[in-house]
């Protein structure tokens, strides 16, 4: 059973606080080869632009598709702007946010010494996102989404993260899952991932079954649709075929939600006012740099490229590699 598209809230009454400055915003997505996923990001950025046309909001991507970060910066320069805010539209501070985006911004701005660039922070764990998921879970208690009236006490939440090679980001996924579960009345929450780290989704289902739940709610912690969201829905559908006595609900990605648009506005204002604070204490890249150089972040390594091979498929391989930096 897949729930889709019934959770998009009305944006008609959404009021955003005013910006301190009329600077263009570079909205940086991860990038995907999945055209539907790419278009969802573009639609999200356009929706945000339409809520406030006082400055341009320009979508661009770190990898896999266009426009690139370089093209985004060039679009701002062509319109006569020299002060730019850049925001990573990313959920957690993993490698992409800490290094790849900043490296790409550094490269792209080289030809423009006059450019003043303020880099904002990722979404992170914030009350608006917790509110978004609590609202969606409340809707699953309604008869149209719960025809068999299965109680929360008989339901397990399966919280699915993207998976990262940064333990700090993976830890934040577990923390957020726990916060959403606390006080919810569900039997328990299991946290798993669709790639890179462990436990993987199949193991998450195996753990959920240990609680003899009558209902399993799969909560994919994703901003936008794409290949991985499709994979989560497909694996859930396979589980439904195999375990017909359990009811499965697979929630959609967050998508164009009013709470997310509010979070972007908070991050944009922070960046414009220079109030961005990153938690670097538990960053494996910083820790490695401290060991190697005796101080600070090491921002010098290049970009990593995707391949079909999964170097982290086996848990023992993951443990051996995870605290190493490239």
C-alpha atoms as a PDB file:
ATOM      1  CA  UNK A   1       0.000   0.000   0.000  1.00  0.00           C
ATOM      2  CA  UNK A   2       1.502   3.318  -1.063  1.00  0.00           C
ATOM      3  CA  UNK A   3       0.194   6.676   0.080  1.00  0.00           C
ATOM      4  CA  UNK A   4       1.040   9.389  -2.430  1.00  0.00           C
ATOM      5  CA  UNK A   5       0.180  13.016  -3.154  1.00  0.00           C
ATOM      6  CA  UNK A   6      -2.542  13.327  -0.505  1.00  0.00           C
ATOM      7  CA  UNK A   7      -0.299  15.208   1.887  1.00  0.00           C
ATOM      8  CA  UNK A   8       0.584  18.324  -0.082  1.00  0.00           C
ATOM      9  CA  UNK A   9      -0.659  21.261   2.009  1.00  0.00           C
ATOM     10  CA  UNK A  10      -2.187  24.444   0.634  1.00  0.00           C
ATOM     11  CA  UNK A  11       0.360  27.226   0.247  1.00  0.00           C
ATOM     12  CA  UNK A  12      -2.210  29.982  -0.281  1.00  0.00           C
ATOM     13  CA  UNK A  13      -1.934  31.425   3.223  1.00  0.00           C
ATOM     14  CA  UNK A  14       1.792  30.952   3.654  1.00  0.00           C
ATOM     15  CA  UNK A  15       3.359  34.175   4.930  1.00  0.00           C
ATOM     16  CA  UNK A  16       7.146  34.382   4.938  1.00  0.00           C
ATOM     17  CA  UNK A  17       9.038  36.943   7.054  1.00  0.00           C
ATOM     18  CA  UNK A  18      10.723  39.682   4.967  1.00  0.00           C
ATOM     19  CA  UNK A  19      14.345  39.373   3.884  1.00  0.00           C
ATOM     20  CA  UNK A  20      16.933  41.833   5.251  1.00  0.00           C
ATOM     21  CA  UNK A  21      18.503  42.242   1.765  1.00  0.00           C
ATOM     22  CA  UNK A  22      17.374  41.812  -1.853  1.00  0.00           C
ATOM     23  CA  UNK A  23      20.184  39.412  -2.755  1.00  0.00           C
ATOM     24  CA  UNK A  24      19.727  36.562  -5.200  1.00  0.00           C
ATOM     25  CA  UNK A  25      19.507  33.083  -3.767  1.00  0.00           C
ATOM     26  CA  UNK A  26      21.386  30.158  -5.272  1.00  0.00           C
ATOM     27  CA  UNK A  27      19.340  27.085  -4.302  1.00  0.00           C
ATOM     28  CA  UNK A  28      21.701  24.100  -4.588  1.00  0.00           C
ATOM     29  CA  UNK A  29      20.244  20.623  -4.950  1.00  0.00           C
ATOM     30  CA  UNK A  30      22.178  17.369  -4.888  1.00  0.00           C
ATOM     31  CA  UNK A  31      21.218  16.407  -8.432  1.00  0.00           C
ATOM     32  CA  UNK A  32      19.730  13.244  -9.888  1.00  0.00           C
ATOM     33  CA  UNK A  33      19.575  11.419 -13.211  1.00  0.00           C
ATOM     34  CA  UNK A  34      15.896  10.816 -12.477  1.00  0.00           C
ATOM     35  CA  UNK A  35      14.017  13.426 -14.514  1.00  0.00           C
ATOM     36  CA  UNK A  36      10.982  13.399 -12.206  1.00  0.00           C
ATOM     37  CA  UNK A  37      13.248  14.015  -9.216  1.00  0.00           C
ATOM     38  CA  UNK A  38      15.031  16.843 -11.015  1.00  0.00           C
ATOM     39  CA  UNK A  39      11.731  18.481 -11.976  1.00  0.00           C
ATOM     40  CA  UNK A  40      10.403  18.241  -8.408  1.00  0.00           C
ATOM     41  CA  UNK A  41      13.402  20.244  -7.200  1.00  0.00           C
ATOM     42  CA  UNK A  42      12.891  22.859  -9.947  1.00  0.00           C
ATOM     43  CA  UNK A  43       9.179  23.107  -9.024  1.00  0.00           C
ATOM     44  CA  UNK A  44      10.082  23.505  -5.348  1.00  0.00           C
ATOM     45  CA  UNK A  45      12.485  26.371  -6.107  1.00  0.00           C
ATOM     46  CA  UNK A  46       9.936  28.047  -8.416  1.00  0.00           C
ATOM     47  CA  UNK A  47       7.300  27.815  -5.674  1.00  0.00           C
ATOM     48  CA  UNK A  48       9.676  29.508  -3.256  1.00  0.00           C
ATOM     49  CA  UNK A  49      10.498  32.182  -5.841  1.00  0.00           C
ATOM     50  CA  UNK A  50       6.805  32.915  -6.437  1.00  0.00           C
ATOM     51  CA  UNK A  51       6.239  33.547  -2.713  1.00  0.00           C
ATOM     52  CA  UNK A  52       8.711  36.429  -2.856  1.00  0.00           C
ATOM     53  CA  UNK A  53       9.790  37.978  -6.168  1.00  0.00           C
ATOM     54  CA  UNK A  54      11.959  40.680  -4.545  1.00  0.00           C
ATOM     55  CA  UNK A  55      15.112  38.840  -5.710  1.00  0.00           C
ATOM     56  CA  UNK A  56      15.908  35.991  -8.116  1.00  0.00           C
ATOM     57  CA  UNK A  57      15.952  32.420  -6.777  1.00  0.00           C
ATOM     58  CA  UNK A  58      18.135  30.322  -9.053  1.00  0.00           C
ATOM     59  CA  UNK A  59      18.118  26.501  -8.964  1.00  0.00           C
ATOM     60  CA  UNK A  60      21.334  24.575  -9.618  1.00  0.00           C
ATOM     61  CA  UNK A  61      22.795  21.153  -8.865  1.00  0.00           C
ATOM     62  CA  UNK A  62      25.983  19.771  -7.395  1.00  0.00           C
ATOM     63  CA  UNK A  63      26.182  16.840  -9.811  1.00  0.00           C
ATOM     64  CA  UNK A  64      24.447  14.496 -12.273  1.00  0.00           C
ATOM     65  CA  UNK A  65      22.332  17.159 -14.000  1.00  0.00           C
ATOM     66  CA  UNK A  66      22.196  20.820 -15.038  1.00  0.00           C
ATOM     67  CA  UNK A  67      22.224  23.743 -14.361  1.00  0.00           C
ATOM     68  CA  UNK A  68      25.527  23.464 -12.487  1.00  0.00           C
ATOM     69  CA  UNK A  69      26.655  25.652  -9.584  1.00  0.00           C
ATOM     70  CA  UNK A  70      28.955  27.449 -12.044  1.00  0.00           C
ATOM     71  CA  UNK A  71      25.993  28.223 -14.294  1.00  0.00           C
ATOM     72  CA  UNK A  72      23.986  29.428 -11.304  1.00  0.00           C
ATOM     73  CA  UNK A  73      26.677  31.898 -10.260  1.00  0.00           C
ATOM     74  CA  UNK A  74      27.056  33.100 -13.856  1.00  0.00           C
ATOM     75  CA  UNK A  75      23.292  33.748 -14.015  1.00  0.00           C
ATOM     76  CA  UNK A  76      23.568  35.994 -10.933  1.00  0.00           C
ATOM     77  CA  UNK A  77      26.574  37.882 -12.340  1.00  0.00           C
ATOM     78  CA  UNK A  78      24.807  38.393 -15.685  1.00  0.00           C
ATOM     79  CA  UNK A  79      21.909  40.052 -13.840  1.00  0.00           C
ATOM     80  CA  UNK A  80      24.342  42.479 -12.216  1.00  0.00           C
ATOM     81  CA  UNK A  81      24.516  41.018  -8.709  1.00  0.00           C
ATOM     82  CA  UNK A  82      27.755  40.774  -6.727  1.00  0.00           C
ATOM     83  CA  UNK A  83      26.243  39.773  -3.346  1.00  0.00           C
ATOM     84  CA  UNK A  84      24.820  36.244  -3.453  1.00  0.00           C
ATOM     85  CA  UNK A  85      23.376  33.860  -0.869  1.00  0.00           C
ATOM     86  CA  UNK A  86      23.984  30.144  -1.553  1.00  0.00           C
ATOM     87  CA  UNK A  87      21.880  27.547   0.271  1.00  0.00           C
ATOM     88  CA  UNK A  88      22.373  23.766   0.189  1.00  0.00           C
ATOM     89  CA  UNK A  89      18.880  22.257  -0.128  1.00  0.00           C
ATOM     90  CA  UNK A  90      20.078  19.212   1.803  1.00  0.00           C
ATOM     91  CA  UNK A  91      18.714  17.555   4.920  1.00  0.00           C
ATOM     92  CA  UNK A  92      21.907  16.869   6.833  1.00  0.00           C
ATOM     93  CA  UNK A  93      25.478  18.084   7.023  1.00  0.00           C
ATOM     94  CA  UNK A  94      27.238  15.191   5.330  1.00  0.00           C
ATOM     95  CA  UNK A  95      30.165  15.245   2.942  1.00  0.00           C
ATOM     96  CA  UNK A  96      28.287  16.974   0.108  1.00  0.00           C
ATOM     97  CA  UNK A  97      27.364  19.899   2.322  1.00  0.00           C
ATOM     98  CA  UNK A  98      30.690  20.138   4.165  1.00  0.00           C
ATOM     99  CA  UNK A  99      33.017  19.761   1.195  1.00  0.00           C
ATOM    100  CA  UNK A 100      31.662  19.112  -2.247  1.00  0.00           C
ATOM    101  CA  UNK A 101      29.343  22.135  -2.441  1.00  0.00           C
ATOM    102  CA  UNK A 102      31.895  24.473  -0.835  1.00  0.00           C
ATOM    103  CA  UNK A 103      34.658  23.218  -3.157  1.00  0.00           C
ATOM    104  CA  UNK A 104      32.400  23.752  -6.159  1.00  0.00           C
ATOM    105  CA  UNK A 105      31.465  27.261  -5.001  1.00  0.00           C
ATOM    106  CA  UNK A 106      35.151  28.106  -4.512  1.00  0.00           C
ATOM    107  CA  UNK A 107      35.924  26.954  -8.067  1.00  0.00           C
ATOM    108  CA  UNK A 108      32.932  28.704  -9.625  1.00  0.00           C
ATOM    109  CA  UNK A 109      33.659  32.078  -8.019  1.00  0.00           C
ATOM    110  CA  UNK A 110      37.356  32.207  -9.033  1.00  0.00           C
ATOM    111  CA  UNK A 111      36.738  34.264 -12.204  1.00  0.00           C
ATOM    112  CA  UNK A 112      34.709  36.823 -10.181  1.00  0.00           C
ATOM    113  CA  UNK A 113      36.886  38.485  -7.510  1.00  0.00           C
ATOM    114  CA  UNK A 114      34.143  41.082  -6.929  1.00  0.00           C
ATOM    115  CA  UNK A 115      31.708  38.368  -5.754  1.00  0.00           C
ATOM    116  CA  UNK A 116      30.574  38.356  -2.115  1.00  0.00           C
ATOM    117  CA  UNK A 117      29.096  34.946  -1.341  1.00  0.00           C
ATOM    118  CA  UNK A 118      27.271  33.962   1.870  1.00  0.00           C
ATOM    119  CA  UNK A 119      26.924  30.191   2.313  1.00  0.00           C
ATOM    120  CA  UNK A 120      23.955  29.079   4.398  1.00  0.00           C
ATOM    121  CA  UNK A 121      23.387  25.851   6.262  1.00  0.00           C
ATOM    122  CA  UNK A 122      21.482  22.653   5.551  1.00  0.00           C
ATOM    123  CA  UNK A 123      17.987  21.997   6.918  1.00  0.00           C
ATOM    124  CA  UNK A 124      19.059  19.843   9.870  1.00  0.00           C
ATOM    125  CA  UNK A 125      16.772  18.892  12.756  1.00  0.00           C
ATOM    126  CA  UNK A 126      14.246  21.652  13.119  1.00  0.00           C
ATOM    127  CA  UNK A 127      10.757  21.972  14.684  1.00  0.00           C
ATOM    128  CA  UNK A 128       9.074  22.662  11.317  1.00  0.00           C
ATOM    129  CA  UNK A 129      10.218  19.325   9.871  1.00  0.00           C
ATOM    130  CA  UNK A 130       9.131  17.460  13.016  1.00  0.00           C
ATOM    131  CA  UNK A 131       5.740  19.205  12.707  1.00  0.00           C
ATOM    132  CA  UNK A 132       5.503  18.124   9.043  1.00  0.00           C
ATOM    133  CA  UNK A 133       5.935  14.431   9.872  1.00  0.00           C
ATOM    134  CA  UNK A 134       3.687  14.530  12.948  1.00  0.00           C
ATOM    135  CA  UNK A 135       0.932  16.062  10.813  1.00  0.00           C
ATOM    136  CA  UNK A 136       1.321  13.340   8.189  1.00  0.00           C
ATOM    137  CA  UNK A 137       1.318  10.563  10.774  1.00  0.00           C
ATOM    138  CA  UNK A 138      -1.835  12.037  12.347  1.00  0.00           C
ATOM    139  CA  UNK A 139      -3.553  11.752   8.951  1.00  0.00           C
ATOM    140  CA  UNK A 140      -2.714   8.037   8.890  1.00  0.00           C
ATOM    141  CA  UNK A 141      -4.982   7.606  11.929  1.00  0.00           C
ATOM    142  CA  UNK A 142      -8.009   8.774   9.907  1.00  0.00           C
ATOM    143  CA  UNK A 143     -10.399   6.055   8.624  1.00  0.00           C
ATOM    144  CA  UNK A 144      -9.596   6.674   4.947  1.00  0.00           C
ATOM    145  CA  UNK A 145      -5.920   5.848   5.597  1.00  0.00           C
ATOM    146  CA  UNK A 146      -6.518   3.296   8.351  1.00  0.00           C
ATOM    147  CA  UNK A 147      -9.648   1.332   7.341  1.00  0.00           C
ATOM    148  CA  UNK A 148      -8.827  -1.542   9.720  1.00  0.00           C
ATOM    149  CA  UNK A 149      -8.467   0.867  12.645  1.00  0.00           C
ATOM    150  CA  UNK A 150      -5.058  -0.471  13.683  1.00  0.00           C
ATOM    151  CA  UNK A 151      -3.839   1.286  16.813  1.00  0.00           C
ATOM    152  CA  UNK A 152      -0.486   3.033  17.161  1.00  0.00           C
ATOM    153  CA  UNK A 153       0.383   0.480  19.855  1.00  0.00           C
ATOM    154  CA  UNK A 154       0.265  -2.189  17.133  1.00  0.00           C
ATOM    155  CA  UNK A 155       2.243  -0.099  14.632  1.00  0.00           C
ATOM    156  CA  UNK A 156       6.000   0.137  14.028  1.00  0.00           C
ATOM    157  CA  UNK A 157       7.560   3.172  12.356  1.00  0.00           C
ATOM    158  CA  UNK A 158      10.351   2.376   9.897  1.00  0.00           C
ATOM    159  CA  UNK A 159      12.375   5.543   9.383  1.00  0.00           C
ATOM    160  CA  UNK A 160      14.449   5.345   6.176  1.00  0.00           C
ATOM    161  CA  UNK A 161      17.403   7.676   5.642  1.00  0.00           C
ATOM    162  CA  UNK A 162      19.410   8.187   2.475  1.00  0.00           C
ATOM    163  CA  UNK A 163      22.604   6.887   4.079  1.00  0.00           C
ATOM    164  CA  UNK A 164      25.930   8.689   4.165  1.00  0.00           C
ATOM    165  CA  UNK A 165      29.620   7.997   4.577  1.00  0.00           C
ATOM    166  CA  UNK A 166      29.595  10.612   7.360  1.00  0.00           C
ATOM    167  CA  UNK A 167      28.760   9.114  10.797  1.00  0.00           C
ATOM    168  CA  UNK A 168      27.711  12.575  12.033  1.00  0.00           C
ATOM    169  CA  UNK A 169      24.919  12.786   9.439  1.00  0.00           C
ATOM    170  CA  UNK A 170      23.827   9.170  10.046  1.00  0.00           C
ATOM    171  CA  UNK A 171      23.632   9.913  13.763  1.00  0.00           C
ATOM    172  CA  UNK A 172      21.326  12.854  13.037  1.00  0.00           C
ATOM    173  CA  UNK A 173      18.939  10.544  11.136  1.00  0.00           C
ATOM    174  CA  UNK A 174      18.699   8.305  14.206  1.00  0.00           C
ATOM    175  CA  UNK A 175      18.201  11.322  16.456  1.00  0.00           C
ATOM    176  CA  UNK A 176      15.379  12.704  14.324  1.00  0.00           C
ATOM    177  CA  UNK A 177      13.658   9.309  14.137  1.00  0.00           C
ATOM    178  CA  UNK A 178      13.777   9.115  17.926  1.00  0.00           C
ATOM    179  CA  UNK A 179      12.373  12.654  18.347  1.00  0.00           C
ATOM    180  CA  UNK A 180       9.447  11.877  16.033  1.00  0.00           C
ATOM    181  CA  UNK A 181       8.742   8.630  17.909  1.00  0.00           C
ATOM    182  CA  UNK A 182       8.917  10.127  21.418  1.00  0.00           C
ATOM    183  CA  UNK A 183       5.389  10.590  22.758  1.00  0.00           C
ATOM    184  CA  UNK A 184       3.802   9.321  19.530  1.00  0.00           C
ATOM    185  CA  UNK A 185       2.256   6.158  20.971  1.00  0.00           C
ATOM    186  CA  UNK A 186       3.748   3.887  18.290  1.00  0.00           C
ATOM    187  CA  UNK A 187       5.164   0.584  19.477  1.00  0.00           C
ATOM    188  CA  UNK A 188       8.681   1.528  18.409  1.00  0.00           C
ATOM    189  CA  UNK A 189      10.746   3.123  15.663  1.00  0.00           C
ATOM    190  CA  UNK A 190      13.441   1.346  13.682  1.00  0.00           C
ATOM    191  CA  UNK A 191      15.970   3.394  11.719  1.00  0.00           C
ATOM    192  CA  UNK A 192      17.496   2.075   8.510  1.00  0.00           C
ATOM    193  CA  UNK A 193      19.017   3.365   5.281  1.00  0.00           C
ATOM    194  CA  UNK A 194      18.587   2.789   1.566  1.00  0.00           C
ATOM    195  CA  UNK A 195      22.312   2.973   0.774  1.00  0.00           C
ATOM    196  CA  UNK A 196      25.924   3.284   1.906  1.00  0.00           C
ATOM    197  CA  UNK A 197      25.499   2.771   5.655  1.00  0.00           C
ATOM    198  CA  UNK A 198      23.725   0.067   7.685  1.00  0.00           C
ATOM    199  CA  UNK A 199      21.234  -1.321   8.579  1.00  0.00           C
ATOM    200  CA  UNK A 200      19.760  -1.349   5.078  1.00  0.00           C
ATOM    201  CA  UNK A 201      16.017  -1.241   4.383  1.00  0.00           C
ATOM    202  CA  UNK A 202      15.600  -5.038   4.158  1.00  0.00           C
ATOM    203  CA  UNK A 203      17.189  -5.389   7.603  1.00  0.00           C
ATOM    204  CA  UNK A 204      14.899  -2.616   8.860  1.00  0.00           C
ATOM    205  CA  UNK A 205      11.863  -4.663   7.821  1.00  0.00           C
ATOM    206  CA  UNK A 206      13.321  -7.766   9.489  1.00  0.00           C
ATOM    207  CA  UNK A 207      13.690  -5.851  12.750  1.00  0.00           C
ATOM    208  CA  UNK A 208      10.175  -4.409  12.477  1.00  0.00           C
ATOM    209  CA  UNK A 209       8.715  -7.930  12.244  1.00  0.00           C
ATOM    210  CA  UNK A 210      10.302  -8.901  15.565  1.00  0.00           C
ATOM    211  CA  UNK A 211       7.706  -6.696  17.288  1.00  0.00           C
ATOM    212  CA  UNK A 212       4.811  -8.649  15.711  1.00  0.00           C
ATOM    213  CA  UNK A 213       3.301  -5.401  14.459  1.00  0.00           C
ATOM    214  CA  UNK A 214      -0.024  -5.366  12.635  1.00  0.00           C
ATOM    215  CA  UNK A 215       1.029  -2.295  10.682  1.00  0.00           C
ATOM    216  CA  UNK A 216       4.380  -0.958   9.454  1.00  0.00           C
ATOM    217  CA  UNK A 217       4.617   2.689   8.395  1.00  0.00           C
ATOM    218  CA  UNK A 218       7.606   3.373   6.139  1.00  0.00           C
ATOM    219  CA  UNK A 219       8.739   6.977   6.520  1.00  0.00           C
ATOM    220  CA  UNK A 220      11.318   7.881   3.830  1.00  0.00           C
ATOM    221  CA  UNK A 221      13.317  10.883   5.011  1.00  0.00           C
ATOM    222  CA  UNK A 222      13.728  12.445   1.568  1.00  0.00           C
ATOM    223  CA  UNK A 223      13.072  15.941   0.270  1.00  0.00           C
ATOM    224  CA  UNK A 224      12.207  14.946  -3.289  1.00  0.00           C
ATOM    225  CA  UNK A 225      11.301  11.934  -5.351  1.00  0.00           C
ATOM    226  CA  UNK A 226      13.863  10.080  -7.434  1.00  0.00           C
ATOM    227  CA  UNK A 227      15.384   6.663  -8.020  1.00  0.00           C
ATOM    228  CA  UNK A 228      15.877   5.911  -4.325  1.00  0.00           C
ATOM    229  CA  UNK A 229      12.295   6.846  -3.412  1.00  0.00           C
ATOM    230  CA  UNK A 230      11.071   4.510  -6.150  1.00  0.00           C
ATOM    231  CA  UNK A 231      13.312   1.776  -4.749  1.00  0.00           C
ATOM    232  CA  UNK A 232      11.850   2.239  -1.245  1.00  0.00           C
ATOM    233  CA  UNK A 233       8.272   1.981  -2.566  1.00  0.00           C
ATOM    234  CA  UNK A 234       9.146  -1.111  -4.653  1.00  0.00           C
ATOM    235  CA  UNK A 235      10.808  -2.935  -1.738  1.00  0.00           C
ATOM    236  CA  UNK A 236       7.816  -2.078   0.479  1.00  0.00           C
ATOM    237  CA  UNK A 237       5.417  -3.468  -2.145  1.00  0.00           C
ATOM    238  CA  UNK A 238       7.457  -6.707  -2.238  1.00  0.00           C
ATOM    239  CA  UNK A 239       7.212  -6.990   1.546  1.00  0.00           C
ATOM    240  CA  UNK A 240       3.433  -6.502   1.329  1.00  0.00           C
ATOM    241  CA  UNK A 241       3.182  -9.414  -1.115  1.00  0.00           C
ATOM    242  CA  UNK A 242       5.259 -11.600   1.204  1.00  0.00           C
ATOM    243  CA  UNK A 243       3.595 -10.654   4.507  1.00  0.00           C
ATOM    244  CA  UNK A 244      -0.088 -10.300   3.663  1.00  0.00           C
ATOM    245  CA  UNK A 245      -1.160 -10.361   7.326  1.00  0.00           C
ATOM    246  CA  UNK A 246       0.643  -7.036   7.974  1.00  0.00           C
ATOM    247  CA  UNK A 247      -0.573  -3.698   6.649  1.00  0.00           C
ATOM    248  CA  UNK A 248       2.164  -1.612   5.005  1.00  0.00           C
ATOM    249  CA  UNK A 249       2.035   2.130   4.455  1.00  0.00           C
ATOM    250  CA  UNK A 250       4.761   3.800   2.415  1.00  0.00           C
ATOM    251  CA  UNK A 251       4.709   7.565   2.857  1.00  0.00           C
ATOM    252  CA  UNK A 252       5.797   9.944   0.082  1.00  0.00           C
ATOM    253  CA  UNK A 253       8.803  12.248   0.214  1.00  0.00           C
ATOM    254  CA  UNK A 254       8.397  15.668   1.859  1.00  0.00           C
ATOM    255  CA  UNK A 255       7.991  17.508  -1.447  1.00  0.00           C
ATOM    256  CA  UNK A 256       6.662  21.057  -1.715  1.00  0.00           C
ATOM    257  CA  UNK A 257       5.534  21.455   1.897  1.00  0.00           C
ATOM    258  CA  UNK A 258       4.854  24.764   3.622  1.00  0.00           C
ATOM    259  CA  UNK A 259       7.089  23.760   6.545  1.00  0.00           C
ATOM    260  CA  UNK A 260      10.070  23.299   4.221  1.00  0.00           C
ATOM    261  CA  UNK A 261       9.487  26.659   2.564  1.00  0.00           C
ATOM    262  CA  UNK A 262       9.515  28.209   6.037  1.00  0.00           C
ATOM    263  CA  UNK A 263      12.801  26.462   6.861  1.00  0.00           C
ATOM    264  CA  UNK A 264      14.399  27.770   3.654  1.00  0.00           C
ATOM    265  CA  UNK A 265      13.354  31.291   4.587  1.00  0.00           C
ATOM    266  CA  UNK A 266      14.930  30.860   8.046  1.00  0.00           C
ATOM    267  CA  UNK A 267      18.166  29.624   6.449  1.00  0.00           C
ATOM    268  CA  UNK A 268      18.192  32.440   3.884  1.00  0.00           C
ATOM    269  CA  UNK A 269      17.769  35.114   6.572  1.00  0.00           C
ATOM    270  CA  UNK A 270      20.503  33.486   8.707  1.00  0.00           C
ATOM    271  CA  UNK A 271      22.926  33.513   5.786  1.00  0.00           C
ATOM    272  CA  UNK A 272      22.148  37.120   4.874  1.00  0.00           C
ATOM    273  CA  UNK A 273      22.769  38.212   8.466  1.00  0.00           C
ATOM    274  CA  UNK A 274      25.909  36.084   8.830  1.00  0.00           C
ATOM    275  CA  UNK A 275      24.391  34.001  11.627  1.00  0.00           C
ATOM    276  CA  UNK A 276      25.188  30.547  10.236  1.00  0.00           C
ATOM    277  CA  UNK A 277      26.512  28.086  12.825  1.00  0.00           C
ATOM    278  CA  UNK A 278      27.748  24.618  11.856  1.00  0.00           C
ATOM    279  CA  UNK A 279      28.402  21.836  14.335  1.00  0.00           C
ATOM    280  CA  UNK A 280      31.892  20.691  13.361  1.00  0.00           C
ATOM    281  CA  UNK A 281      32.882  18.966  16.598  1.00  0.00           C
ATOM    282  CA  UNK A 282      31.826  15.470  15.480  1.00  0.00           C
ATOM    283  CA  UNK A 283      32.820  15.861  11.819  1.00  0.00           C
ATOM    284  CA  UNK A 284      35.066  12.976  10.738  1.00  0.00           C
ATOM    285  CA  UNK A 285      36.753  15.222   8.175  1.00  0.00           C
ATOM    286  CA  UNK A 286      37.698  17.749  10.858  1.00  0.00           C
ATOM    287  CA  UNK A 287      38.893  14.995  13.201  1.00  0.00           C
ATOM    288  CA  UNK A 288      41.073  13.537  10.443  1.00  0.00           C
ATOM    289  CA  UNK A 289      42.457  16.988   9.651  1.00  0.00           C
ATOM    290  CA  UNK A 290      43.271  17.526  13.329  1.00  0.00           C
ATOM    291  CA  UNK A 291      45.186  14.240  13.448  1.00  0.00           C
ATOM    292  CA  UNK A 292      47.006  14.958  10.195  1.00  0.00           C
ATOM    293  CA  UNK A 293      47.726  18.680  10.472  1.00  0.00           C
ATOM    294  CA  UNK A 294      47.101  19.527  14.095  1.00  0.00           C
ATOM    295  CA  UNK A 295      44.246  21.926  13.274  1.00  0.00           C
ATOM    296  CA  UNK A 296      41.068  22.736  11.426  1.00  0.00           C
ATOM    297  CA  UNK A 297      39.038  21.416   8.522  1.00  0.00           C
ATOM    298  CA  UNK A 298      40.763  19.990   5.478  1.00  0.00           C
ATOM    299  CA  UNK A 299      38.793  21.146   2.459  1.00  0.00           C
ATOM    300  CA  UNK A 300      41.269  20.008  -0.140  1.00  0.00           C
ATOM    301  CA  UNK A 301      39.988  16.740  -1.528  1.00  0.00           C
ATOM    302  CA  UNK A 302      38.116  16.307  -4.757  1.00  0.00           C
ATOM    303  CA  UNK A 303      34.628  15.198  -5.600  1.00  0.00           C
ATOM    304  CA  UNK A 304      33.547  11.578  -5.392  1.00  0.00           C
ATOM    305  CA  UNK A 305      31.751  10.006  -8.318  1.00  0.00           C
ATOM    306  CA  UNK A 306      28.939   7.485  -8.284  1.00  0.00           C
ATOM    307  CA  UNK A 307      29.394   3.991  -9.669  1.00  0.00           C
ATOM    308  CA  UNK A 308      27.270   0.854  -9.706  1.00  0.00           C
ATOM    309  CA  UNK A 309      29.611  -0.874  -7.292  1.00  0.00           C
ATOM    310  CA  UNK A 310      28.653  -0.666  -3.608  1.00  0.00           C
ATOM    311  CA  UNK A 311      31.876  -0.577  -1.544  1.00  0.00           C
ATOM    312  CA  UNK A 312      29.834  -0.603   1.664  1.00  0.00           C
ATOM    313  CA  UNK A 313      27.530  -3.541   0.834  1.00  0.00           C
ATOM    314  CA  UNK A 314      29.014  -5.744   3.550  1.00  0.00           C
ATOM    315  CA  UNK A 315      28.830  -4.460   7.106  1.00  0.00           C
ATOM    316  CA  UNK A 316      32.443  -5.436   7.852  1.00  0.00           C
ATOM    317  CA  UNK A 317      33.616  -3.379   4.841  1.00  0.00           C
ATOM    318  CA  UNK A 318      31.602  -0.445   6.108  1.00  0.00           C
ATOM    319  CA  UNK A 319      33.168  -0.611   9.579  1.00  0.00           C
ATOM    320  CA  UNK A 320      36.666  -0.768   8.082  1.00  0.00           C
ATOM    321  CA  UNK A 321      36.183   2.230   5.815  1.00  0.00           C
ATOM    322  CA  UNK A 322      33.804   4.616   7.528  1.00  0.00           C
ATOM    323  CA  UNK A 323      36.136   6.794   9.629  1.00  0.00           C
ATOM    324  CA  UNK A 324      38.677   7.102   6.843  1.00  0.00           C
ATOM    325  CA  UNK A 325      38.631  10.294   4.814  1.00  0.00           C
ATOM    326  CA  UNK A 326      39.357  10.294   1.087  1.00  0.00           C
END
